[in-house]
Structure formats: C-alpha cells, structure tokens
Amino acid sequence: MSAKAKYQPVLDLGLKLNIKDGDVTEDGGVLKIKGVAATPYEKNILWDKIKEIGGEKPSDIKANITVADESVYHRHTVKSGESLSKIAKHYYGDAMKYNKIFEANTNILKNPDVIHPDQVLVIPNL
C-alpha cells in the first residue's frame, strides 16, 4: 500500500476542513503534505488523524501544517441542543471551562445559559 493510500483519511479530512494552500507529494514511500489550517484546533485534529493511522511518530509521513489564525483556538457555530458546557467539554475536555468561552464572547452573549443556533463563538486559547 502506498503512503498516499494509507493516509487518504488525512487527505479527506484536510478537504473537509478546507485546508488552504495544500500540497501533497510522495517521495521514496514518504508522503509529504503541507497546508494552512484555519485554527489550532483544526491543525490538532489533522495531527490526531495522522497519529491514529501512523502511530505517535510515523516515519512514512512528513506534515508541515501551519495555522492562519493563532489568536483563537477555534470558531464554533452553535447547533441546536448545545450548551457552553457541552462545547467546552468538546474542545477542552472539561465542561467546567464553559466560563472561558462565555468570557471570550460577551460581545454577543449576555448570559452563559442562553446561546442560540448559528451563533459563531470564539473558542479561546487556554
């Protein structure tokens, strides 16, 4: 199996995330990928996918993924049924960090218990 075929789920995820300036080459059985993720969160999930397929230190892939906007961890569009604690659990692994998200969005949120679908929330770096 070629490295490109092995890591096709990473390439598919890159397309889904709309990674900019992407480039993929294969040289001597090593897949070389580069691109620009919108946020650190997107870069992290790409790296998680690489590690899921190739292990902690894969030798058959070299990835140079940069980030366009380091000022935030991510921007999240609220879906029906979500709460700040559920969103905090998703991004930080800790529902109790919901207040960090609230504080970063006081320009559009007045109460941490009231969010609405389609609002775009800043998920701050911790």
N, C-alpha and C. Protein backbone atom coordinates (compact mmCIF):
# COMPACT_ATOMS: atom_id res chain seq x y z
N MET A 1 0.86 -1.19 0.00
CA MET A 1 0.00 0.00 0.00
C MET A 1 0.90 1.24 0.00
N SER A 2 0.57 2.19 -0.84
CA SER A 2 1.34 3.44 -0.89
C SER A 2 1.02 4.28 0.36
N ALA A 3 1.95 5.16 0.68
CA ALA A 3 1.73 6.06 1.82
C ALA A 3 0.52 6.94 1.56
N LYS A 4 0.33 7.34 0.31
CA LYS A 4 -0.83 8.19 -0.01
C LYS A 4 -2.13 7.44 0.26
N ALA A 5 -2.18 6.17 -0.14
CA ALA A 5 -3.39 5.38 0.11
C ALA A 5 -3.59 5.17 1.61
N LYS A 6 -2.50 4.91 2.33
CA LYS A 6 -2.58 4.69 3.78
C LYS A 6 -3.15 5.92 4.49
N TYR A 7 -2.70 7.09 4.06
CA TYR A 7 -3.11 8.33 4.74
C TYR A 7 -4.24 9.06 4.03
N GLN A 8 -4.96 8.37 3.15
CA GLN A 8 -6.08 9.01 2.44
C GLN A 8 -7.10 9.63 3.41
N PRO A 9 -7.40 8.99 4.57
CA PRO A 9 -8.34 9.64 5.50
C PRO A 9 -7.84 11.01 5.99
N VAL A 10 -6.52 11.20 6.08
CA VAL A 10 -5.97 12.51 6.47
C VAL A 10 -6.22 13.52 5.36
N LEU A 11 -5.99 13.09 4.12
CA LEU A 11 -6.22 13.98 2.98
C LEU A 11 -7.70 14.33 2.87
N ASP A 12 -8.56 13.35 3.09
CA ASP A 12 -10.01 13.61 3.05
C ASP A 12 -10.42 14.61 4.14
N LEU A 13 -9.85 14.45 5.34
CA LEU A 13 -10.14 15.37 6.43
C LEU A 13 -9.66 16.78 6.07
N GLY A 14 -8.50 16.88 5.44
CA GLY A 14 -7.98 18.17 5.00
C GLY A 14 -8.93 18.86 4.05
N LEU A 15 -9.53 18.09 3.14
CA LEU A 15 -10.52 18.67 2.21
C LEU A 15 -11.75 19.13 2.97
N LYS A 16 -12.21 18.30 3.90
CA LYS A 16 -13.40 18.64 4.70
C LYS A 16 -13.18 19.91 5.51
N LEU A 17 -11.96 20.08 6.04
CA LEU A 17 -11.63 21.25 6.84
C LEU A 17 -11.28 22.46 5.99
N ASN A 18 -11.23 22.27 4.68
CA ASN A 18 -10.90 23.34 3.75
C ASN A 18 -9.50 23.91 4.03
N ILE A 19 -8.54 23.02 4.19
CA ILE A 19 -7.14 23.42 4.39
C ILE A 19 -6.68 24.18 3.15
N LYS A 20 -6.07 25.32 3.35
CA LYS A 20 -5.65 26.20 2.25
C LYS A 20 -4.22 25.85 1.81
N ASP A 21 -3.91 26.19 0.57
CA ASP A 21 -2.56 26.03 0.01
C ASP A 21 -2.02 24.62 0.22
N GLY A 22 -2.89 23.65 0.08
CA GLY A 22 -2.48 22.27 0.28
C GLY A 22 -1.60 21.75 -0.84
N ASP A 23 -0.65 20.90 -0.46
CA ASP A 23 0.24 20.27 -1.43
C ASP A 23 0.55 18.88 -0.90
N VAL A 24 0.46 17.89 -1.78
CA VAL A 24 0.71 16.51 -1.40
C VAL A 24 1.64 15.88 -2.43
N THR A 25 2.76 15.33 -1.95
CA THR A 25 3.68 14.60 -2.83
C THR A 25 4.11 13.34 -2.10
N GLU A 26 4.55 12.35 -2.88
CA GLU A 26 5.08 11.13 -2.29
C GLU A 26 6.46 10.91 -2.87
N ASP A 27 7.44 10.68 -1.99
CA ASP A 27 8.82 10.53 -2.42
C ASP A 27 9.47 9.41 -1.61
N GLY A 28 9.85 8.35 -2.29
CA GLY A 28 10.52 7.24 -1.61
C GLY A 28 9.69 6.60 -0.52
N GLY A 29 8.38 6.52 -0.73
CA GLY A 29 7.50 5.90 0.26
C GLY A 29 7.11 6.81 1.41
N VAL A 30 7.52 8.08 1.34
CA VAL A 30 7.17 9.05 2.38
C VAL A 30 6.20 10.07 1.78
N LEU A 31 5.06 10.20 2.42
CA LEU A 31 4.07 11.18 1.99
C LEU A 31 4.42 12.53 2.60
N LYS A 32 4.49 13.54 1.77
CA LYS A 32 4.79 14.89 2.25
C LYS A 32 3.55 15.75 2.00
N ILE A 33 3.03 16.31 3.09
CA ILE A 33 1.85 17.16 2.96
C ILE A 33 2.11 18.50 3.62
N LYS A 34 1.53 19.52 3.05
CA LYS A 34 1.60 20.83 3.68
C LYS A 34 0.31 21.57 3.41
N GLY A 35 0.04 22.53 4.26
CA GLY A 35 -1.16 23.33 4.10
C GLY A 35 -1.34 24.26 5.29
N VAL A 36 -2.38 25.08 5.19
CA VAL A 36 -2.67 26.06 6.23
C VAL A 36 -4.05 25.79 6.81
N ALA A 37 -4.09 25.43 8.08
CA ALA A 37 -5.35 25.23 8.80
C ALA A 37 -5.85 26.59 9.29
N ALA A 38 -7.15 26.73 9.41
CA ALA A 38 -7.73 28.00 9.86
C ALA A 38 -7.38 28.30 11.31
N THR A 39 -7.40 27.26 12.17
CA THR A 39 -7.20 27.46 13.61
C THR A 39 -6.33 26.34 14.19
N PRO A 40 -5.78 26.54 15.38
CA PRO A 40 -5.02 25.47 16.04
C PRO A 40 -5.84 24.19 16.23
N TYR A 41 -7.12 24.32 16.51
CA TYR A 41 -7.97 23.15 16.68
C TYR A 41 -7.95 22.28 15.43
N GLU A 42 -8.09 22.90 14.26
CA GLU A 42 -8.09 22.14 13.01
C GLU A 42 -6.74 21.47 12.77
N LYS A 43 -5.66 22.16 13.09
CA LYS A 43 -4.33 21.56 12.97
C LYS A 43 -4.24 20.34 13.90
N ASN A 44 -4.74 20.48 15.11
CA ASN A 44 -4.68 19.37 16.08
C ASN A 44 -5.47 18.16 15.61
N ILE A 45 -6.65 18.37 15.03
CA ILE A 45 -7.41 17.18 14.61
C ILE A 45 -6.77 16.51 13.40
N LEU A 46 -6.08 17.28 12.56
CA LEU A 46 -5.31 16.65 11.47
C LEU A 46 -4.18 15.80 12.05
N TRP A 47 -3.46 16.34 13.02
CA TRP A 47 -2.37 15.58 13.64
C TRP A 47 -2.91 14.35 14.37
N ASP A 48 -4.06 14.48 15.01
CA ASP A 48 -4.67 13.32 15.68
C ASP A 48 -4.96 12.22 14.67
N LYS A 49 -5.44 12.59 13.49
CA LYS A 49 -5.75 11.60 12.45
C LYS A 49 -4.46 10.96 11.93
N ILE A 50 -3.40 11.76 11.76
CA ILE A 50 -2.11 11.20 11.33
C ILE A 50 -1.62 10.18 12.34
N LYS A 51 -1.68 10.52 13.63
CA LYS A 51 -1.21 9.61 14.68
C LYS A 51 -2.10 8.37 14.79
N GLU A 52 -3.40 8.54 14.55
CA GLU A 52 -4.32 7.40 14.59
C GLU A 52 -3.92 6.36 13.55
N ILE A 53 -3.49 6.82 12.38
CA ILE A 53 -3.13 5.92 11.30
C ILE A 53 -1.68 5.44 11.42
N GLY A 54 -0.76 6.36 11.72
CA GLY A 54 0.66 6.02 11.65
C GLY A 54 1.36 5.84 12.97
N GLY A 55 0.66 6.03 14.08
CA GLY A 55 1.30 5.92 15.39
C GLY A 55 1.84 7.26 15.86
N GLU A 56 2.44 7.27 17.04
CA GLU A 56 2.91 8.50 17.67
C GLU A 56 3.98 9.20 16.86
N LYS A 57 4.89 8.45 16.26
CA LYS A 57 5.99 9.05 15.48
C LYS A 57 6.12 8.35 14.14
N PRO A 58 5.18 8.60 13.24
CA PRO A 58 5.21 7.90 11.95
C PRO A 58 6.42 8.33 11.11
N SER A 59 7.04 7.36 10.44
CA SER A 59 8.21 7.67 9.61
C SER A 59 7.85 7.77 8.13
N ASP A 60 6.61 7.45 7.79
CA ASP A 60 6.22 7.45 6.38
C ASP A 60 5.38 8.67 5.98
N ILE A 61 5.37 9.68 6.85
CA ILE A 61 4.66 10.92 6.52
C ILE A 61 5.40 12.10 7.15
N LYS A 62 5.50 13.16 6.39
CA LYS A 62 6.04 14.43 6.90
C LYS A 62 4.97 15.49 6.62
N ALA A 63 4.53 16.15 7.68
CA ALA A 63 3.46 17.13 7.54
C ALA A 63 3.93 18.49 8.03
N ASN A 64 3.71 19.48 7.21
CA ASN A 64 4.00 20.87 7.58
C ASN A 64 2.68 21.62 7.51
N ILE A 65 2.01 21.67 8.65
CA ILE A 65 0.69 22.30 8.73
C ILE A 65 0.83 23.56 9.57
N THR A 66 0.58 24.70 8.96
CA THR A 66 0.65 25.96 9.69
C THR A 66 -0.78 26.42 10.00
N VAL A 67 -0.88 27.49 10.77
CA VAL A 67 -2.19 27.98 11.21
C VAL A 67 -2.37 29.43 10.77
N ALA A 68 -3.51 29.73 10.17
CA ALA A 68 -3.80 31.09 9.70
C ALA A 68 -4.09 32.04 10.85
N ASP A 69 -4.82 31.58 11.87
CA ASP A 69 -5.23 32.46 12.96
C ASP A 69 -4.91 31.83 14.31
N GLU A 70 -3.80 32.23 14.91
CA GLU A 70 -3.38 31.70 16.21
C GLU A 70 -4.05 32.44 17.38
N SER A 71 -4.80 33.51 17.08
CA SER A 71 -5.37 34.34 18.16
C SER A 71 -6.51 33.64 18.88
N VAL A 72 -7.10 32.62 18.26
CA VAL A 72 -8.17 31.85 18.88
C VAL A 72 -7.86 30.36 18.70
N TYR A 73 -8.47 29.53 19.54
CA TYR A 73 -8.30 28.09 19.37
C TYR A 73 -9.17 27.60 18.22
N HIS A 74 -10.39 28.13 18.14
CA HIS A 74 -11.30 27.75 17.07
C HIS A 74 -12.49 28.71 17.07
N ARG A 75 -13.28 28.64 16.03
CA ARG A 75 -14.57 29.34 15.97
C ARG A 75 -15.63 28.26 15.78
N HIS A 76 -16.62 28.28 16.65
CA HIS A 76 -17.63 27.22 16.68
C HIS A 76 -19.00 27.79 16.36
N THR A 77 -19.68 27.17 15.42
CA THR A 77 -21.06 27.55 15.11
C THR A 77 -21.99 26.70 15.95
N VAL A 78 -22.79 27.35 16.78
CA VAL A 78 -23.68 26.66 17.71
C VAL A 78 -24.75 25.87 16.94
N LYS A 79 -24.95 24.63 17.41
CA LYS A 79 -26.00 23.77 16.86
C LYS A 79 -27.12 23.63 17.90
N SER A 80 -28.30 23.32 17.45
CA SER A 80 -29.45 23.14 18.33
C SER A 80 -29.12 22.10 19.40
N GLY A 81 -29.47 22.41 20.64
CA GLY A 81 -29.27 21.47 21.74
C GLY A 81 -27.93 21.62 22.45
N GLU A 82 -27.06 22.48 21.95
CA GLU A 82 -25.76 22.65 22.59
C GLU A 82 -25.83 23.63 23.75
N SER A 83 -24.88 23.50 24.65
CA SER A 83 -24.70 24.43 25.77
C SER A 83 -23.23 24.80 25.81
N LEU A 84 -22.90 25.86 26.53
CA LEU A 84 -21.49 26.23 26.64
C LEU A 84 -20.69 25.12 27.32
N SER A 85 -21.28 24.43 28.30
CA SER A 85 -20.54 23.36 28.97
C SER A 85 -20.29 22.19 28.01
N LYS A 86 -21.25 21.88 27.16
CA LYS A 86 -21.06 20.80 26.18
C LYS A 86 -19.97 21.19 25.17
N ILE A 87 -19.97 22.44 24.76
CA ILE A 87 -18.95 22.92 23.82
C ILE A 87 -17.57 22.91 24.49
N ALA A 88 -17.50 23.35 25.75
CA ALA A 88 -16.24 23.34 26.48
C ALA A 88 -15.71 21.91 26.63
N LYS A 89 -16.59 20.97 26.91
CA LYS A 89 -16.19 19.56 27.03
C LYS A 89 -15.59 19.07 25.71
N HIS A 90 -16.20 19.46 24.59
CA HIS A 90 -15.71 19.03 23.27
C HIS A 90 -14.30 19.57 22.99
N TYR A 91 -14.10 20.85 23.20
CA TYR A 91 -12.83 21.47 22.83
C TYR A 91 -11.73 21.33 23.88
N TYR A 92 -12.11 21.35 25.16
CA TYR A 92 -11.12 21.35 26.23
C TYR A 92 -11.10 20.06 27.05
N GLY A 93 -12.11 19.22 26.85
CA GLY A 93 -12.19 18.01 27.66
C GLY A 93 -12.68 18.27 29.07
N ASP A 94 -13.20 19.49 29.31
CA ASP A 94 -13.62 19.88 30.66
C ASP A 94 -14.83 20.83 30.55
N ALA A 95 -16.01 20.32 30.89
CA ALA A 95 -17.23 21.12 30.80
C ALA A 95 -17.19 22.35 31.68
N MET A 96 -16.42 22.30 32.77
CA MET A 96 -16.38 23.42 33.71
C MET A 96 -15.63 24.64 33.14
N LYS A 97 -15.01 24.50 32.00
CA LYS A 97 -14.31 25.63 31.38
C LYS A 97 -15.25 26.45 30.49
N TYR A 98 -16.56 26.21 30.63
CA TYR A 98 -17.53 26.94 29.82
C TYR A 98 -17.41 28.45 30.00
N ASN A 99 -17.00 28.88 31.22
CA ASN A 99 -16.92 30.31 31.51
C ASN A 99 -15.84 30.99 30.65
N LYS A 100 -14.78 30.25 30.28
CA LYS A 100 -13.75 30.81 29.40
C LYS A 100 -14.37 31.17 28.05
N ILE A 101 -15.24 30.31 27.57
CA ILE A 101 -15.91 30.57 26.29
C ILE A 101 -16.86 31.75 26.45
N PHE A 102 -17.62 31.77 27.55
CA PHE A 102 -18.54 32.89 27.80
C PHE A 102 -17.78 34.21 27.83
N GLU A 103 -16.68 34.25 28.59
CA GLU A 103 -15.91 35.49 28.72
C GLU A 103 -15.36 35.97 27.38
N ALA A 104 -15.03 35.05 26.50
CA ALA A 104 -14.49 35.42 25.20
C ALA A 104 -15.57 35.90 24.23
N ASN A 105 -16.84 35.74 24.62
CA ASN A 105 -17.94 36.07 23.72
C ASN A 105 -18.97 37.01 24.33
N THR A 106 -18.56 37.81 25.31
CA THR A 106 -19.52 38.71 25.95
C THR A 106 -20.04 39.79 24.99
N ASN A 107 -19.39 39.93 23.85
CA ASN A 107 -19.90 40.86 22.84
C ASN A 107 -21.21 40.37 22.23
N ILE A 108 -21.45 39.04 22.26
CA ILE A 108 -22.70 38.51 21.70
C ILE A 108 -23.52 37.73 22.73
N LEU A 109 -22.92 37.37 23.86
CA LEU A 109 -23.63 36.62 24.89
C LEU A 109 -23.79 37.48 26.15
N LYS A 110 -24.99 37.46 26.69
CA LYS A 110 -25.25 38.21 27.93
C LYS A 110 -25.41 37.27 29.13
N ASN A 111 -25.67 35.99 28.86
CA ASN A 111 -25.92 35.02 29.90
C ASN A 111 -25.31 33.69 29.44
N PRO A 112 -24.49 33.05 30.26
CA PRO A 112 -23.86 31.79 29.83
C PRO A 112 -24.85 30.65 29.62
N ASP A 113 -26.07 30.81 30.11
CA ASP A 113 -27.08 29.76 29.95
C ASP A 113 -27.93 29.95 28.70
N VAL A 114 -27.68 31.03 27.94
CA VAL A 114 -28.51 31.32 26.76
C VAL A 114 -27.61 31.48 25.54
N ILE A 115 -27.62 30.45 24.69
CA ILE A 115 -26.96 30.54 23.39
C ILE A 115 -27.96 30.07 22.34
N HIS A 116 -27.74 30.46 21.10
CA HIS A 116 -28.70 30.16 20.03
C HIS A 116 -28.01 29.52 18.85
N PRO A 117 -28.72 28.61 18.16
CA PRO A 117 -28.16 28.01 16.96
C PRO A 117 -27.70 29.08 15.97
N ASP A 118 -26.61 28.78 15.28
CA ASP A 118 -25.99 29.61 14.25
C ASP A 118 -25.16 30.76 14.80
N GLN A 119 -25.13 30.96 16.12
CA GLN A 119 -24.18 31.93 16.66
C GLN A 119 -22.77 31.37 16.45
N VAL A 120 -21.84 32.23 16.10
CA VAL A 120 -20.45 31.80 15.95
C VAL A 120 -19.67 32.28 17.17
N LEU A 121 -19.19 31.32 17.94
CA LEU A 121 -18.50 31.61 19.19
C LEU A 121 -16.99 31.45 19.02
N VAL A 122 -16.25 32.35 19.62
CA VAL A 122 -14.80 32.22 19.70
C VAL A 122 -14.50 31.21 20.79
N ILE A 123 -13.68 30.23 20.46
CA ILE A 123 -13.18 29.28 21.45
C ILE A 123 -11.75 29.73 21.75
N PRO A 124 -11.53 30.33 22.93
CA PRO A 124 -10.23 30.95 23.19
C PRO A 124 -9.13 29.91 23.46
N ASN A 125 -7.89 30.32 23.19
CA ASN A 125 -6.75 29.52 23.61
C ASN A 125 -6.72 29.55 25.13
N LEU A 126 -6.35 28.46 25.73
CA LEU A 126 -6.24 28.41 27.20
C LEU A 126 -4.83 28.68 27.64
